[in-house]
Protein backbone atom coordinates (compact mmCIF):
# COMPACT_ATOMS: atom_id res chain seq x y z
CA MET A 1 -31.44 34.29 79.69
CA LEU A 2 -31.79 30.46 80.46
CA ARG A 3 -35.04 30.60 77.93
CA LEU A 4 -33.41 32.12 74.97
CA ILE A 5 -30.34 29.87 75.50
CA GLY A 6 -32.53 26.89 75.61
CA ILE A 7 -34.24 28.12 72.05
CA GLU A 8 -30.89 28.38 70.40
CA LEU A 9 -29.55 24.82 71.91
CA HIS A 10 -32.87 23.49 70.91
CA LYS A 11 -31.88 24.72 67.20
CA LEU A 12 -28.37 23.45 67.09
CA LYS A 13 -29.42 20.06 68.33
CA ASN A 14 -31.51 19.70 65.49
CA SER A 15 -28.51 20.42 63.02
CA ARG A 16 -26.26 17.83 61.81
CA ALA A 17 -23.56 20.16 60.59
CA SER A 18 -23.45 22.22 63.65
CA LYS A 19 -23.41 18.71 66.12
CA ILE A 20 -20.03 17.97 63.40
CA LEU A 21 -18.29 21.35 63.92
CA ILE A 22 -18.67 21.41 67.72
CA ILE A 23 -17.44 17.77 67.95
CA THR A 24 -14.50 18.54 65.94
CA TYR A 25 -13.78 21.95 67.74
CA PHE A 26 -13.62 20.12 71.25
CA THR A 27 -11.96 16.83 69.77
CA LEU A 28 -9.40 19.22 68.46
CA LEU A 29 -9.06 21.02 71.89
CA THR A 30 -8.67 17.62 73.44
CA SER A 31 -5.86 16.43 71.02
CA ILE A 32 -3.58 19.17 72.54
CA ALA A 33 -2.43 16.53 74.50
CA LEU A 34 -0.94 14.90 71.80
CA ILE A 35 1.73 17.28 71.77
CA ALA A 36 3.35 15.35 74.67
CA ALA A 37 3.47 12.39 72.74
CA ILE A 38 6.02 14.09 70.07
CA LYS A 39 9.36 12.58 70.42
CA PHE A 40 12.27 12.28 67.85
CA ASP A 41 14.88 9.52 68.45
CA ILE A 42 17.45 9.79 65.52
CA GLY A 43 20.76 8.28 66.67
CA PRO A 44 22.21 10.59 69.31
CA ILE A 45 19.44 13.44 68.82
CA LYS A 46 16.93 12.82 71.43
CA PHE A 47 13.86 15.28 71.76
CA HIS A 48 11.19 14.90 73.40
CA LEU A 49 9.05 18.02 73.15
CA ALA A 50 7.16 17.66 76.79
CA GLU A 51 10.35 17.76 78.06
CA GLN A 52 11.00 21.47 76.90
CA GLY A 53 8.69 23.00 79.41
CA ILE A 54 5.55 23.59 77.63
CA PHE A 55 3.48 21.69 80.12
CA ASN A 56 5.12 23.49 83.13
CA PHE A 57 2.87 25.43 85.35
CA PRO A 58 2.40 28.70 85.05
CA TYR A 59 3.84 28.55 81.43
CA ILE A 60 1.03 25.99 80.47
CA TRP A 61 -1.68 28.77 80.77
CA HIS A 62 0.06 30.74 78.25
CA PHE A 63 0.87 28.07 75.61
CA ASN A 64 -2.19 26.32 75.67
CA THR A 65 -4.58 29.35 75.37
CA PHE A 66 -2.58 30.56 72.38
CA ILE A 67 -2.83 27.54 70.73
CA THR A 68 -6.10 26.38 71.33
CA ALA A 69 -7.11 29.87 69.97
CA PHE A 70 -6.28 28.90 66.51
CA PHE A 71 -9.16 26.22 66.39
CA LYS A 72 -11.96 29.04 67.06
CA LEU A 73 -12.79 28.78 63.37
CA PHE A 74 -14.69 25.85 63.75
CA LEU A 75 -17.24 27.60 66.27
CA LEU A 76 -16.92 30.18 63.83
CA LEU A 77 -18.46 28.14 61.47
CA VAL A 78 -21.35 27.09 63.99
CA ILE A 79 -21.98 30.78 65.00
CA VAL A 80 -22.34 32.08 61.35
CA SER A 81 -24.53 29.25 59.85
CA MET A 82 -26.89 29.65 63.06
CA VAL A 83 -27.42 33.32 62.08
CA SER A 84 -27.82 32.56 57.81
CA ASN A 85 -29.99 29.37 58.78
CA GLU A 86 -32.28 31.90 60.72
CA TYR A 87 -32.89 33.77 57.36
CA SER A 88 -32.72 30.39 55.06
CA ASN A 89 -35.23 28.61 57.01
CA LYS A 90 -37.66 31.25 57.83
CA THR A 91 -37.34 30.62 61.51
CA LEU A 92 -36.36 33.97 62.21
CA LYS A 93 -39.76 35.51 61.13
CA GLN A 94 -41.09 32.85 62.69
CA ASN A 95 -39.54 33.59 66.00
CA LEU A 96 -40.86 37.41 66.02
CA ILE A 97 -44.20 36.21 64.81
CA ASP A 98 -44.18 33.75 68.01
CA GLY A 99 -43.41 36.59 70.19
CA LEU A 100 -39.98 36.95 70.43
CA SER A 101 -38.59 40.86 70.27
CA LYS A 102 -35.69 41.40 67.99
CA LYS A 103 -33.36 42.50 70.91
CA GLU A 104 -34.35 39.02 72.28
CA PHE A 105 -33.33 37.48 69.19
CA ILE A 106 -30.06 39.32 69.21
CA LEU A 107 -29.54 38.36 72.85
CA SER A 108 -30.26 34.79 72.16
CA LYS A 109 -27.25 34.44 69.80
CA PHE A 110 -24.70 36.47 72.10
CA TYR A 111 -25.70 34.24 75.26
CA THR A 112 -24.90 31.12 72.92
CA VAL A 113 -21.78 32.81 71.63
CA VAL A 114 -20.91 33.65 75.37
CA LEU A 115 -21.80 30.22 76.50
CA PHE A 116 -19.76 28.47 73.72
CA ALA A 117 -16.86 30.65 75.09
CA LEU A 118 -17.01 29.87 78.71
CA ILE A 119 -17.50 26.05 77.62
CA SER A 120 -14.02 26.35 75.88
CA THR A 121 -12.39 28.20 78.64
CA ILE A 122 -13.41 25.61 81.20
CA PHE A 123 -12.22 22.63 78.62
CA VAL A 124 -8.86 24.22 78.23
CA PHE A 125 -8.70 24.83 81.89
CA VAL A 126 -9.14 21.29 82.64
CA ILE A 127 -6.80 19.88 79.90
CA SER A 128 -4.09 22.14 80.98
CA MET A 129 -4.53 21.35 84.50
CA VAL A 130 -4.56 17.67 83.72
CA LEU A 131 -1.44 18.10 81.37
CA GLY A 132 0.44 20.37 84.00
CA LEU A 133 0.03 17.93 86.81
CA ILE A 134 1.49 15.11 85.06
CA TYR A 135 4.54 17.15 83.37
CA SER A 136 5.14 20.11 85.01
CA ASP A 137 8.09 20.36 87.18
CA PHE A 138 6.47 23.05 89.46
CA ASN A 139 3.60 21.81 91.31
CA GLU A 140 3.14 24.39 94.24
CA ILE A 141 -0.39 25.72 94.62
CA SER A 142 0.89 29.40 94.17
CA ILE A 143 2.44 28.41 90.93
CA ILE A 144 -0.20 26.23 89.58
CA PHE A 145 -2.69 29.36 89.98
CA SER A 146 -0.65 32.20 88.92
CA ASP A 147 -0.84 33.54 85.30
CA LEU A 148 -4.62 32.73 85.18
CA GLU A 149 -5.14 35.99 83.60
CA TYR A 150 -4.60 34.24 80.34
CA LEU A 151 -7.82 32.28 80.49
CA LEU A 152 -9.91 35.60 81.28
CA ALA A 153 -8.07 36.71 77.98
CA TYR A 154 -8.70 33.77 76.10
CA PHE A 155 -12.23 34.11 77.13
CA VAL A 156 -12.60 37.75 75.97
CA LYS A 157 -10.88 36.62 72.82
CA LEU A 158 -13.48 34.02 72.14
CA VAL A 159 -16.55 36.08 72.74
CA GLY A 160 -14.76 39.05 70.55
CA PHE A 161 -14.04 36.71 67.63
CA PHE A 162 -17.41 34.85 67.68
CA SER A 163 -19.41 38.39 68.08
CA PHE A 164 -17.53 39.17 65.26
CA GLY A 165 -18.77 36.46 63.21
CA LEU A 166 -22.54 37.08 64.38
CA PHE A 167 -22.41 40.60 63.21
CA ILE A 168 -21.23 39.69 59.72
CA GLY A 169 -23.54 36.53 59.54
CA MET A 170 -26.22 39.36 60.14
CA LEU A 171 -24.90 41.74 57.60
CA ILE A 172 -24.63 39.30 54.71
CA LYS A 173 -27.04 36.28 55.77
CA ARG A 174 -25.00 33.68 54.10
CA SER A 175 -22.35 31.51 55.81
CA ALA A 176 -19.99 31.19 52.88
CA PHE A 177 -19.78 34.72 52.32
CA ALA A 178 -19.70 35.66 55.74
CA VAL A 179 -16.65 33.89 56.65
CA GLY A 180 -15.01 35.05 53.33
CA ALA A 181 -15.87 38.31 54.51
CA MET A 182 -13.87 38.11 57.54
CA LEU A 183 -11.23 36.30 55.75
CA ILE A 184 -10.88 39.03 53.33
CA TRP A 185 -11.17 41.74 56.29
CA PHE A 186 -8.35 39.95 57.84
CA ILE A 187 -5.88 40.26 55.04
CA ILE A 188 -6.98 43.94 54.34
CA GLU A 189 -6.32 44.82 57.84
CA THR A 190 -2.81 42.59 57.90
CA ILE A 191 -1.64 44.04 54.66
CA SER A 192 -2.31 47.85 55.65
CA TYR A 193 -0.76 46.97 59.02
CA ASN A 194 2.40 45.67 57.25
CA ILE A 195 2.30 48.97 54.81
CA PHE A 196 2.27 51.38 57.52
CA LYS A 197 4.63 49.33 59.87
CA TRP A 198 7.62 48.70 57.30
CA ASN A 199 6.87 51.25 54.78
CA ILE A 200 5.40 54.28 56.17
CA PHE A 201 6.15 54.39 59.85
CA LYS A 202 9.80 52.68 59.81
CA ASP A 203 11.51 52.30 63.00
CA SER A 204 8.86 53.59 64.99
CA ASN A 205 5.78 52.02 66.86
CA ILE A 206 3.01 54.44 65.39
CA ALA A 207 1.39 51.39 63.52
CA ASP A 208 1.18 49.53 66.48
CA ASN A 209 -0.28 51.88 68.65
CA ILE A 210 -3.06 52.51 65.58
CA TYR A 211 -3.93 48.78 65.00
CA GLN A 212 -4.05 47.82 68.41
CA PHE A 213 -7.68 49.16 68.01
CA ALA A 214 -8.18 47.20 65.25
CA PRO A 215 -10.43 44.17 65.79
CA PHE A 216 -8.28 41.36 64.57
CA HIS A 217 -5.01 43.05 66.02
CA ALA A 218 -6.67 43.92 68.99
CA MET A 219 -7.72 39.83 69.49
CA TRP A 220 -4.59 39.02 68.53
CA ASN A 221 -2.70 41.29 71.31
CA LEU A 222 -4.72 39.55 74.09
CA ILE A 223 -2.54 36.73 74.12
CA ASP A 224 1.04 37.11 72.77
CA GLU A 225 3.06 34.27 71.12
CA PRO A 226 4.88 31.97 73.66
CA PHE A 227 7.56 30.02 72.08
CA SER A 228 9.92 32.79 72.78
CA ARG A 229 9.66 32.40 76.44
CA LEU A 230 11.19 29.06 76.20
CA ASN A 231 14.63 28.56 77.61
CA ALA A 232 15.77 26.77 74.47
CA VAL A 233 14.39 29.41 72.09
CA LYS A 234 16.01 32.17 74.56
CA THR A 235 19.58 30.39 74.67
CA LEU A 236 19.41 30.04 70.84
CA ALA A 237 18.43 33.78 70.53
CA SER A 238 21.20 34.82 72.63
CA GLN A 239 24.09 32.96 71.25
CA VAL A 240 23.06 34.75 67.85
CA GLY A 241 22.88 37.96 69.84
CA GLU A 242 18.90 38.59 70.05
CA ASP A 243 17.11 39.99 72.82
CA LEU A 244 13.83 38.48 73.59
CA SER A 245 12.99 40.08 76.65
CA TYR A 246 9.24 40.73 75.91
CA ASP A 247 6.52 41.95 77.73
CA TYR A 248 4.06 38.68 77.44
CA SER A 249 1.47 40.26 80.30
CA VAL A 250 -2.34 40.25 79.71
CA HIS A 251 -2.81 44.04 79.93
CA TRP A 252 -6.39 45.60 80.90
CA TYR A 253 -6.53 47.90 78.06
CA GLU A 254 -6.07 45.12 75.34
CA ILE A 255 -9.18 43.44 77.20
CA ALA A 256 -11.18 46.99 76.84
CA ILE A 257 -10.65 47.02 73.43
CA VAL A 258 -11.98 43.53 72.71
CA LEU A 259 -15.04 44.18 74.91
CA GLY A 260 -15.36 47.64 73.03
CA TRP A 261 -15.56 45.62 69.67
CA THR A 262 -17.78 42.98 70.91
CA PHE A 263 -20.56 45.83 72.27
CA ILE A 264 -20.09 47.25 69.24
CA PHE A 265 -20.46 44.09 67.31
CA ILE A 266 -23.64 43.02 69.03
CA TYR A 267 -25.25 46.68 68.98
CA SER A 268 -24.64 46.92 65.24
CA SER A 269 -26.25 43.48 64.98
CA TYR A 270 -29.28 44.59 66.67
CA ILE A 271 -29.38 47.89 64.80
CA LEU A 272 -29.41 45.75 61.33
CA LEU A 273 -32.04 43.54 62.77
CA LYS A 274 -34.21 46.38 63.83
CA LYS A 275 -33.84 48.25 60.59
CA ARG A 276 -34.24 45.64 58.00
CA ASP A 277 -37.58 44.47 56.53
CA LEU A 278 -38.10 40.88 57.30
């Protein structure tokens, strides 16, 4: 495994564009700390976002994993270009000539995907821990280390998303078209869901029950939006008669669905490579 990861990291080290995207990605992850500096002081109106409880333990695990998940597009570009460069630079054929099997080639990409997801998760954990220790009103050990399942969900979400990108990259071979294909998939999935939800299966959960198995919806369902958990939002909602008592838990079956898609994407990538004439 280490040998295969080493091969991929060596390729990335020689790619200037990939290095810029990776640095940008982790810079954006770090920039979540800037949220603490957001303040509004207009006459009698004083607003400090950090004082709204977004960095309180254990809520911070939910909030930070939800927000930072939006930055994953930058690493997706690295994953997709990593595949497309194999074809454009003829390194795929050379790797196979040098003795790397097609299975090892796909595994090298998948191990890199897992490595990126793991490093991202550890990075978010460290940032969240530092921000929580500085701003949280609750610092008991039992509270600090509760709700860590959001980090697991974050890791699985990234692995699933990057595996999706790996598969599309293998299928299309061109990074720009591959990202475009994923965007089209997302748009079609979203539009069809809304048609089913609001026009066909009105006032029922049938659309949700069906689309929980769609790839993008499955990944989205791993970490629900955290904003309605804030006391200020709940207070405002109660004043207008809205009930925001939702289930924000990370469910095992949601993780299982995304892991299922991850297996499908990786195995399909292997089948594509195996049958393709290089």
